[in-house]
Structures are given as structure tokens and as C-alpha cells.
Amino acid sequence: MADWGPVVIAVVLFVLLQPGLLFQIPGRGRVIEFGSMQTSGAAIVVHAIIYFGLITILLIAVGVHIYAG
């Protein structure tokens, strides 16, 4: 049986944490901007750190598993 948990979690977090799609930290004019559809180098770094932290918590600490087949 294949464990699809890490794949699903990684894809969902990647889509939701794209800088500028839902929110952007730090924003261009404010600390946080919602739906700006723009990005910066600092926002990419901050979102990468958030992504790494969440994926580490969900996959290692919580242990999300989805079995198919």
C-alpha cells in the first residue's frame, strides 16, 4: 500500500502558502497583505520557513498517513 499522506499534505500546503495568493508576510506596504498577487524576496523566505515548519509538524510530529490501494 502506498502512503499518500506526505504527498497530499505537501501539495496542499504548497498551494495555500504561495506568497501573494491568500496572504503575504511581509507585504509591500504593510506587515501582512491579503490577496495582493505580488511577491518579494523576503516574502518567499518567510513563506518557505512557515511551509517547512508546518510540514515538519504534520508529517513527523502528528504523523499524517493516507493509504490507497
C-alpha atoms as a PDB file:
ATOM      1  CA  MET A   1       0.000   0.000   0.000  1.00  0.00           C
ATOM      2  CA  ALA A   2       1.214   3.466  -0.865  1.00  0.00           C
ATOM      3  CA  ASP A   3       1.290   6.197   1.765  1.00  0.00           C
ATOM      4  CA  TRP A   4      -0.121   9.321   0.095  1.00  0.00           C
ATOM      5  CA  GLY A   5      -0.200  11.459   3.263  1.00  0.00           C
ATOM      6  CA  PRO A   6       3.096  13.293   2.712  1.00  0.00           C
ATOM      7  CA  VAL A   7       2.271  13.967  -0.941  1.00  0.00           C
ATOM      8  CA  VAL A   8      -1.196  15.369  -0.239  1.00  0.00           C
ATOM      9  CA  ILE A   9      -0.037  17.489   2.697  1.00  0.00           C
ATOM     10  CA  ALA A  10       2.931  18.892   0.739  1.00  0.00           C
ATOM     11  CA  VAL A  11       0.798  19.822  -2.292  1.00  0.00           C
ATOM     12  CA  VAL A  12      -1.969  21.440  -0.228  1.00  0.00           C
ATOM     13  CA  LEU A  13       0.494  23.461   1.859  1.00  0.00           C
ATOM     14  CA  PHE A  14       2.446  24.494  -1.250  1.00  0.00           C
ATOM     15  CA  VAL A  15      -0.689  25.821  -2.943  1.00  0.00           C
ATOM     16  CA  LEU A  16      -2.055  27.581   0.146  1.00  0.00           C
ATOM     17  CA  LEU A  17       1.256  29.133   1.219  1.00  0.00           C
ATOM     18  CA  GLN A  18       2.222  30.702  -2.095  1.00  0.00           C
ATOM     19  CA  PRO A  19       3.198  34.308  -1.307  1.00  0.00           C
ATOM     20  CA  GLY A  20       0.516  36.672  -2.573  1.00  0.00           C
ATOM     21  CA  LEU A  21      -2.200  34.087  -3.243  1.00  0.00           C
ATOM     22  CA  LEU A  22      -4.066  34.165   0.089  1.00  0.00           C
ATOM     23  CA  PHE A  23      -1.737  36.354   2.135  1.00  0.00           C
ATOM     24  CA  GLN A  24       1.784  37.733   2.074  1.00  0.00           C
ATOM     25  CA  ILE A  25       4.096  38.258   5.050  1.00  0.00           C
ATOM     26  CA  PRO A  26       5.793  40.809   4.897  1.00  0.00           C
ATOM     27  CA  GLY A  27       3.674  42.802   2.469  1.00  0.00           C
ATOM     28  CA  ARG A  28       4.943  45.558   0.245  1.00  0.00           C
ATOM     29  CA  GLY A  29       3.159  48.327   2.151  1.00  0.00           C
ATOM     30  CA  ARG A  30       2.043  46.636   5.371  1.00  0.00           C
ATOM     31  CA  VAL A  31       3.119  43.778   7.598  1.00  0.00           C
ATOM     32  CA  ILE A  32       0.543  41.428   6.081  1.00  0.00           C
ATOM     33  CA  GLU A  33      -1.409  41.779   2.841  1.00  0.00           C
ATOM     34  CA  PHE A  34      -4.282  39.614   1.661  1.00  0.00           C
ATOM     35  CA  GLY A  35      -4.758  38.626  -1.994  1.00  0.00           C
ATOM     36  CA  SER A  36      -2.175  41.041  -3.395  1.00  0.00           C
ATOM     37  CA  MET A  37      -0.953  38.617  -6.118  1.00  0.00           C
ATOM     38  CA  GLN A  38       2.518  40.172  -5.783  1.00  0.00           C
ATOM     39  CA  THR A  39       5.595  38.881  -4.000  1.00  0.00           C
ATOM     40  CA  SER A  40       9.065  39.825  -2.836  1.00  0.00           C
ATOM     41  CA  GLY A  41      12.226  38.010  -1.843  1.00  0.00           C
ATOM     42  CA  ALA A  42      11.559  38.496   1.864  1.00  0.00           C
ATOM     43  CA  ALA A  43       8.036  37.084   1.489  1.00  0.00           C
ATOM     44  CA  ILE A  44       9.396  34.000  -0.276  1.00  0.00           C
ATOM     45  CA  VAL A  45      11.822  33.343   2.587  1.00  0.00           C
ATOM     46  CA  VAL A  46       9.157  33.841   5.275  1.00  0.00           C
ATOM     47  CA  HIS A  47       6.662  31.589   3.492  1.00  0.00           C
ATOM     48  CA  ALA A  48       9.347  28.912   2.985  1.00  0.00           C
ATOM     49  CA  ILE A  49      10.061  28.916   6.729  1.00  0.00           C
ATOM     50  CA  ILE A  50       6.332  28.666   7.519  1.00  0.00           C
ATOM     51  CA  TYR A  51       5.970  25.819   4.969  1.00  0.00           C
ATOM     52  CA  PHE A  52       8.917  23.914   6.446  1.00  0.00           C
ATOM     53  CA  GLY A  53       7.589  24.316   9.982  1.00  0.00           C
ATOM     54  CA  LEU A  54       4.056  23.177   9.131  1.00  0.00           C
ATOM     55  CA  ILE A  55       5.141  20.217   7.012  1.00  0.00           C
ATOM     56  CA  THR A  56       7.551  19.108   9.743  1.00  0.00           C
ATOM     57  CA  ILE A  57       4.837  19.283  12.393  1.00  0.00           C
ATOM     58  CA  LEU A  58       2.221  17.496  10.283  1.00  0.00           C
ATOM     59  CA  LEU A  59       4.426  14.727   8.904  1.00  0.00           C
ATOM     60  CA  ILE A  60       6.803  13.992  11.769  1.00  0.00           C
ATOM     61  CA  ALA A  61       5.059  15.084  14.983  1.00  0.00           C
ATOM     62  CA  VAL A  62       1.429  14.286  14.056  1.00  0.00           C
ATOM     63  CA  GLY A  63       2.209  11.527  11.556  1.00  0.00           C
ATOM     64  CA  VAL A  64      -0.442  12.055   8.874  1.00  0.00           C
ATOM     65  CA  HIS A  65      -0.932   8.910   6.749  1.00  0.00           C
ATOM     66  CA  ILE A  66      -3.311   8.293   3.834  1.00  0.00           C
ATOM     67  CA  TYR A  67      -3.228   4.774   2.413  1.00  0.00           C
ATOM     68  CA  ALA A  68      -4.594   3.957  -1.035  1.00  0.00           C
ATOM     69  CA  GLY A  69      -4.939   0.593  -2.650  1.00  0.00           C
END
